[in-house]
N, C-alpha and C. Protein backbone atom coordinates (compact mmCIF):
# COMPACT_ATOMS: atom_id res chain seq x y z
N MET A 1 0.86 -1.18 0.00
CA MET A 1 0.00 0.00 0.00
C MET A 1 0.89 1.23 0.00
N LYS A 2 0.70 2.08 -0.96
CA LYS A 2 1.48 3.30 -1.03
C LYS A 2 0.74 4.41 -0.29
N ASN A 3 1.38 4.94 0.74
CA ASN A 3 0.88 6.13 1.40
C ASN A 3 1.67 7.29 0.85
N SER A 4 1.06 8.42 0.78
CA SER A 4 1.78 9.58 0.26
C SER A 4 2.89 9.97 1.23
N ASN A 5 3.94 10.54 0.66
CA ASN A 5 5.06 11.03 1.48
C ASN A 5 4.56 12.04 2.49
N THR A 6 3.63 12.88 2.08
CA THR A 6 3.08 13.90 2.97
C THR A 6 2.41 13.26 4.17
N HIS A 7 1.63 12.22 3.90
CA HIS A 7 0.94 11.48 4.97
C HIS A 7 1.96 10.89 5.94
N ASN A 8 2.99 10.25 5.41
CA ASN A 8 4.02 9.63 6.26
C ASN A 8 4.76 10.67 7.08
N GLN A 9 5.07 11.81 6.47
CA GLN A 9 5.77 12.89 7.19
C GLN A 9 4.89 13.47 8.29
N ARG A 10 3.60 13.59 8.01
CA ARG A 10 2.67 14.11 9.01
C ARG A 10 2.61 13.18 10.22
N ILE A 11 2.54 11.89 9.99
CA ILE A 11 2.51 10.92 11.08
C ILE A 11 3.82 10.99 11.88
N ALA A 12 4.94 11.12 11.20
CA ALA A 12 6.25 11.17 11.87
C ALA A 12 6.33 12.35 12.83
N LYS A 13 5.66 13.44 12.52
CA LYS A 13 5.76 14.67 13.32
C LYS A 13 4.73 14.77 14.44
N ILE A 14 3.78 13.86 14.48
CA ILE A 14 2.79 13.85 15.57
C ILE A 14 3.51 13.49 16.86
N THR A 15 3.20 14.20 17.93
CA THR A 15 3.85 13.87 19.20
C THR A 15 3.08 12.74 19.89
N PHE A 16 3.85 11.87 20.50
CA PHE A 16 3.24 10.78 21.27
C PHE A 16 2.38 11.36 22.39
N ALA A 17 2.84 12.46 22.99
CA ALA A 17 2.11 13.10 24.09
C ALA A 17 0.72 13.55 23.67
N SER A 18 0.55 13.90 22.40
CA SER A 18 -0.77 14.36 21.93
C SER A 18 -1.73 13.19 21.71
N VAL A 19 -1.20 12.01 21.46
CA VAL A 19 -2.03 10.84 21.18
C VAL A 19 -2.28 10.00 22.43
N TYR A 20 -1.33 9.98 23.33
CA TYR A 20 -1.41 9.15 24.53
C TYR A 20 -2.72 9.35 25.31
N PRO A 21 -3.15 10.60 25.59
CA PRO A 21 -4.41 10.76 26.33
C PRO A 21 -5.62 10.15 25.59
N MET A 22 -5.57 10.15 24.26
CA MET A 22 -6.66 9.55 23.48
C MET A 22 -6.64 8.03 23.63
N TYR A 23 -5.44 7.45 23.68
CA TYR A 23 -5.33 6.01 23.93
C TYR A 23 -5.93 5.67 25.29
N VAL A 24 -5.55 6.44 26.31
CA VAL A 24 -6.03 6.20 27.67
C VAL A 24 -7.56 6.32 27.71
N GLU A 25 -8.09 7.38 27.13
CA GLU A 25 -9.53 7.58 27.14
C GLU A 25 -10.25 6.43 26.44
N LYS A 26 -9.73 6.02 25.29
CA LYS A 26 -10.35 4.96 24.51
C LYS A 26 -10.43 3.65 25.29
N ILE A 27 -9.34 3.28 25.94
CA ILE A 27 -9.34 1.99 26.63
C ILE A 27 -10.09 2.05 27.95
N GLU A 28 -10.02 3.18 28.65
CA GLU A 28 -10.73 3.29 29.93
C GLU A 28 -12.24 3.33 29.73
N LYS A 29 -12.69 3.93 28.61
CA LYS A 29 -14.13 3.94 28.29
C LYS A 29 -14.67 2.53 28.14
N LYS A 30 -13.79 1.62 27.73
CA LYS A 30 -14.19 0.23 27.51
C LYS A 30 -13.85 -0.68 28.69
N GLY A 31 -13.48 -0.06 29.82
CA GLY A 31 -13.25 -0.85 31.03
C GLY A 31 -11.86 -1.44 31.16
N ARG A 32 -10.93 -1.03 30.31
CA ARG A 32 -9.56 -1.51 30.43
C ARG A 32 -8.75 -0.50 31.24
N THR A 33 -7.57 -0.90 31.68
CA THR A 33 -6.79 -0.04 32.58
C THR A 33 -5.56 0.55 31.90
N LYS A 34 -5.07 1.61 32.52
CA LYS A 34 -3.84 2.25 32.06
C LYS A 34 -2.68 1.26 32.16
N GLU A 35 -2.71 0.41 33.17
CA GLU A 35 -1.67 -0.60 33.35
C GLU A 35 -1.64 -1.56 32.16
N GLU A 36 -2.83 -1.94 31.69
CA GLU A 36 -2.90 -2.82 30.51
C GLU A 36 -2.37 -2.10 29.28
N LEU A 37 -2.70 -0.82 29.16
CA LEU A 37 -2.17 -0.03 28.04
C LEU A 37 -0.65 -0.02 28.08
N HIS A 38 -0.08 0.18 29.26
CA HIS A 38 1.38 0.21 29.38
C HIS A 38 2.00 -1.16 29.11
N GLN A 39 1.28 -2.20 29.45
CA GLN A 39 1.76 -3.55 29.14
C GLN A 39 1.86 -3.73 27.62
N VAL A 40 0.87 -3.24 26.89
CA VAL A 40 0.85 -3.32 25.43
C VAL A 40 1.98 -2.47 24.83
N ILE A 41 2.14 -1.25 25.34
CA ILE A 41 3.20 -0.37 24.84
C ILE A 41 4.57 -0.99 25.09
N GLU A 42 4.75 -1.55 26.29
CA GLU A 42 6.05 -2.17 26.62
C GLU A 42 6.31 -3.39 25.75
N TRP A 43 5.28 -4.18 25.48
CA TRP A 43 5.46 -5.36 24.62
C TRP A 43 5.95 -4.92 23.24
N LEU A 44 5.33 -3.88 22.68
CA LEU A 44 5.68 -3.44 21.32
C LEU A 44 7.02 -2.74 21.26
N THR A 45 7.31 -1.88 22.25
CA THR A 45 8.45 -0.96 22.14
C THR A 45 9.61 -1.24 23.09
N SER A 46 9.38 -2.00 24.13
CA SER A 46 10.30 -2.26 25.25
C SER A 46 10.38 -1.08 26.22
N PHE A 47 9.53 -0.07 26.06
CA PHE A 47 9.53 1.08 26.97
C PHE A 47 8.73 0.77 28.23
N ASP A 48 9.36 0.90 29.38
CA ASP A 48 8.63 0.76 30.63
C ASP A 48 7.85 2.05 30.92
N TYR A 49 7.08 2.03 31.98
CA TYR A 49 6.23 3.18 32.33
C TYR A 49 7.05 4.47 32.45
N LYS A 50 8.19 4.36 33.12
CA LYS A 50 9.05 5.53 33.33
C LYS A 50 9.52 6.13 32.00
N LYS A 51 9.94 5.28 31.08
CA LYS A 51 10.42 5.75 29.77
C LYS A 51 9.27 6.40 28.99
N VAL A 52 8.09 5.82 29.05
CA VAL A 52 6.93 6.41 28.36
C VAL A 52 6.67 7.81 28.91
N GLN A 53 6.74 7.95 30.23
CA GLN A 53 6.51 9.27 30.84
C GLN A 53 7.59 10.27 30.41
N GLU A 54 8.84 9.83 30.30
CA GLU A 54 9.93 10.69 29.82
C GLU A 54 9.64 11.18 28.40
N LEU A 55 9.23 10.27 27.54
CA LEU A 55 8.95 10.62 26.15
C LEU A 55 7.77 11.58 26.04
N ILE A 56 6.79 11.41 26.91
CA ILE A 56 5.66 12.33 26.94
C ILE A 56 6.15 13.71 27.38
N LYS A 57 6.93 13.75 28.43
CA LYS A 57 7.45 15.02 28.95
C LYS A 57 8.32 15.73 27.91
N GLU A 58 9.11 14.96 27.16
CA GLU A 58 9.98 15.52 26.12
C GLU A 58 9.20 15.95 24.88
N ASN A 59 7.91 15.59 24.83
CA ASN A 59 7.09 15.88 23.65
C ASN A 59 7.67 15.20 22.40
N ALA A 60 8.12 13.97 22.56
CA ALA A 60 8.75 13.22 21.48
C ALA A 60 7.76 12.96 20.36
N THR A 61 8.23 13.14 19.13
CA THR A 61 7.42 12.81 17.96
C THR A 61 7.39 11.29 17.82
N PHE A 62 6.47 10.79 17.01
CA PHE A 62 6.46 9.35 16.75
C PHE A 62 7.78 8.93 16.11
N GLU A 63 8.36 9.79 15.31
CA GLU A 63 9.66 9.48 14.69
C GLU A 63 10.70 9.20 15.77
N THR A 64 10.80 10.08 16.76
CA THR A 64 11.74 9.91 17.87
C THR A 64 11.35 8.72 18.73
N PHE A 65 10.07 8.60 19.03
CA PHE A 65 9.54 7.52 19.86
C PHE A 65 9.97 6.16 19.30
N PHE A 66 9.71 5.93 18.01
CA PHE A 66 10.01 4.62 17.45
C PHE A 66 11.49 4.46 17.10
N ARG A 67 12.22 5.55 16.91
CA ARG A 67 13.66 5.44 16.70
C ARG A 67 14.33 4.90 17.97
N GLN A 68 13.80 5.28 19.14
CA GLN A 68 14.37 4.83 20.41
C GLN A 68 13.85 3.46 20.84
N ALA A 69 12.81 3.00 20.21
CA ALA A 69 12.18 1.73 20.60
C ALA A 69 12.97 0.53 20.10
N SER A 70 12.86 -0.55 20.84
CA SER A 70 13.33 -1.86 20.37
C SER A 70 12.05 -2.63 20.05
N LEU A 71 11.69 -2.63 18.80
CA LEU A 71 10.42 -3.23 18.39
C LEU A 71 10.42 -4.73 18.67
N ASN A 72 9.33 -5.21 19.22
CA ASN A 72 9.18 -6.62 19.52
C ASN A 72 9.38 -7.44 18.23
N PRO A 73 10.17 -8.53 18.31
CA PRO A 73 10.39 -9.34 17.11
C PRO A 73 9.11 -9.95 16.53
N ASN A 74 8.06 -10.02 17.35
CA ASN A 74 6.78 -10.56 16.86
C ASN A 74 5.81 -9.49 16.38
N ALA A 75 6.28 -8.26 16.28
CA ALA A 75 5.41 -7.16 15.83
C ALA A 75 4.82 -7.44 14.45
N HIS A 76 5.57 -8.14 13.62
CA HIS A 76 5.07 -8.44 12.27
C HIS A 76 3.82 -9.33 12.29
N LEU A 77 3.53 -9.93 13.44
CA LEU A 77 2.33 -10.76 13.57
C LEU A 77 1.07 -9.92 13.77
N ILE A 78 1.24 -8.61 13.94
CA ILE A 78 0.09 -7.71 14.07
C ILE A 78 -0.43 -7.47 12.65
N THR A 79 -1.61 -7.99 12.38
CA THR A 79 -2.17 -7.87 11.04
C THR A 79 -3.60 -7.35 11.14
N GLY A 80 -4.15 -7.04 10.00
CA GLY A 80 -5.52 -6.58 9.96
C GLY A 80 -5.60 -5.20 9.36
N VAL A 81 -6.73 -4.56 9.60
CA VAL A 81 -6.99 -3.26 8.99
C VAL A 81 -7.12 -2.21 10.08
N ILE A 82 -6.48 -1.08 9.87
CA ILE A 82 -6.61 0.07 10.77
C ILE A 82 -6.75 1.31 9.89
N CYS A 83 -7.72 2.12 10.20
CA CYS A 83 -8.00 3.33 9.41
C CYS A 83 -8.19 2.99 7.93
N GLY A 84 -8.80 1.84 7.68
CA GLY A 84 -9.11 1.44 6.31
C GLY A 84 -7.93 0.92 5.51
N VAL A 85 -6.79 0.72 6.18
CA VAL A 85 -5.58 0.28 5.48
C VAL A 85 -5.10 -1.02 6.11
N ARG A 86 -4.75 -1.99 5.27
CA ARG A 86 -4.22 -3.27 5.74
C ARG A 86 -2.79 -3.04 6.22
N LEU A 87 -2.52 -3.41 7.49
CA LEU A 87 -1.20 -3.18 8.10
C LEU A 87 -0.06 -3.80 7.30
N GLU A 88 -0.28 -4.98 6.78
CA GLU A 88 0.77 -5.69 6.06
C GLU A 88 1.18 -4.98 4.77
N GLU A 89 0.34 -4.09 4.28
CA GLU A 89 0.60 -3.41 3.01
C GLU A 89 1.22 -2.02 3.17
N ILE A 90 1.40 -1.58 4.39
CA ILE A 90 1.99 -0.26 4.62
C ILE A 90 3.49 -0.36 4.35
N GLU A 91 3.98 0.45 3.41
CA GLU A 91 5.38 0.36 3.01
C GLU A 91 6.31 1.17 3.90
N ASP A 92 5.86 2.29 4.42
CA ASP A 92 6.71 3.12 5.24
C ASP A 92 6.85 2.49 6.63
N PRO A 93 8.08 2.14 7.05
CA PRO A 93 8.26 1.44 8.33
C PRO A 93 7.72 2.22 9.53
N LEU A 94 7.95 3.51 9.59
CA LEU A 94 7.47 4.28 10.74
C LEU A 94 5.94 4.32 10.78
N THR A 95 5.32 4.58 9.64
CA THR A 95 3.86 4.60 9.59
C THR A 95 3.31 3.24 10.01
N GLN A 96 3.95 2.17 9.58
CA GLN A 96 3.51 0.82 9.96
C GLN A 96 3.64 0.62 11.47
N GLN A 97 4.72 1.09 12.07
CA GLN A 97 4.91 0.93 13.51
C GLN A 97 3.86 1.71 14.31
N VAL A 98 3.56 2.93 13.86
CA VAL A 98 2.52 3.73 14.52
C VAL A 98 1.18 3.01 14.42
N ARG A 99 0.90 2.46 13.26
CA ARG A 99 -0.37 1.74 13.08
C ARG A 99 -0.40 0.44 13.86
N TYR A 100 0.76 -0.19 14.07
CA TYR A 100 0.81 -1.37 14.96
C TYR A 100 0.31 -0.97 16.34
N LEU A 101 0.82 0.15 16.84
CA LEU A 101 0.41 0.62 18.17
C LEU A 101 -1.09 0.92 18.19
N ASP A 102 -1.56 1.59 17.15
CA ASP A 102 -3.00 1.90 17.05
C ASP A 102 -3.83 0.60 17.09
N LYS A 103 -3.38 -0.40 16.36
CA LYS A 103 -4.10 -1.67 16.29
C LYS A 103 -4.14 -2.36 17.66
N LEU A 104 -3.01 -2.35 18.37
CA LEU A 104 -2.97 -2.97 19.70
C LEU A 104 -3.91 -2.25 20.66
N VAL A 105 -3.94 -0.93 20.59
CA VAL A 105 -4.84 -0.15 21.45
C VAL A 105 -6.29 -0.48 21.09
N ASP A 106 -6.59 -0.58 19.81
CA ASP A 106 -7.94 -0.96 19.38
C ASP A 106 -8.33 -2.33 19.92
N GLU A 107 -7.42 -3.29 19.82
CA GLU A 107 -7.71 -4.63 20.31
C GLU A 107 -7.95 -4.63 21.82
N LEU A 108 -7.16 -3.85 22.53
CA LEU A 108 -7.35 -3.72 23.98
C LEU A 108 -8.73 -3.15 24.28
N ALA A 109 -9.09 -2.08 23.57
CA ALA A 109 -10.39 -1.43 23.78
C ALA A 109 -11.55 -2.36 23.41
N LYS A 110 -11.34 -3.25 22.46
CA LYS A 110 -12.41 -4.15 22.04
C LYS A 110 -12.55 -5.36 22.96
N GLY A 111 -11.71 -5.41 24.00
CA GLY A 111 -11.85 -6.48 24.98
C GLY A 111 -11.12 -7.76 24.65
N LYS A 112 -10.25 -7.70 23.68
CA LYS A 112 -9.48 -8.90 23.33
C LYS A 112 -8.61 -9.31 24.51
N LYS A 113 -8.43 -10.61 24.68
CA LYS A 113 -7.61 -11.11 25.78
C LYS A 113 -6.15 -10.70 25.58
N MET A 114 -5.49 -10.36 26.69
CA MET A 114 -4.11 -9.88 26.64
C MET A 114 -3.18 -10.89 25.95
N GLU A 115 -3.40 -12.19 26.17
CA GLU A 115 -2.56 -13.21 25.54
C GLU A 115 -2.63 -13.13 24.02
N LYS A 116 -3.79 -12.78 23.51
CA LYS A 116 -3.97 -12.65 22.05
C LYS A 116 -3.34 -11.38 21.53
N ILE A 117 -3.46 -10.29 22.31
CA ILE A 117 -2.90 -9.01 21.91
C ILE A 117 -1.37 -9.09 21.86
N LEU A 118 -0.78 -9.71 22.88
CA LEU A 118 0.68 -9.83 22.97
C LEU A 118 1.12 -11.09 22.25
N ARG A 119 1.11 -11.01 20.97
CA ARG A 119 1.36 -12.16 20.10
C ARG A 119 2.68 -12.85 20.43
N GLY A 120 2.60 -14.14 20.61
CA GLY A 120 3.80 -14.95 20.80
C GLY A 120 4.57 -14.69 22.06
N SER A 121 3.93 -14.08 23.07
CA SER A 121 4.66 -13.80 24.32
C SER A 121 4.81 -15.04 25.16
């Protein structure tokens, strides 16, 4: 799937701090906890709670956020559609990583069991 360069650049410049409260709101509305959200973030990125808070405080862009991350080797097992786009077809690595996180948050909000969300753990 070809995303426009402009689209990819826009995603790269979004700050994690601006999206994080939306993730929290989305999952808490569905009865999930912030702790579960952090478990999902840590599985994908290797960032513990403290590191996530540092990145929020620094106003890190997604570009910086994922540059510092150690992506889980099973991240490629995250498949499906997010925002009308099939994850496996996203060519830009950063855009794909951001969408991986979006997909995991969606699965958490939809009540999927943690063992299923954390693929191959």
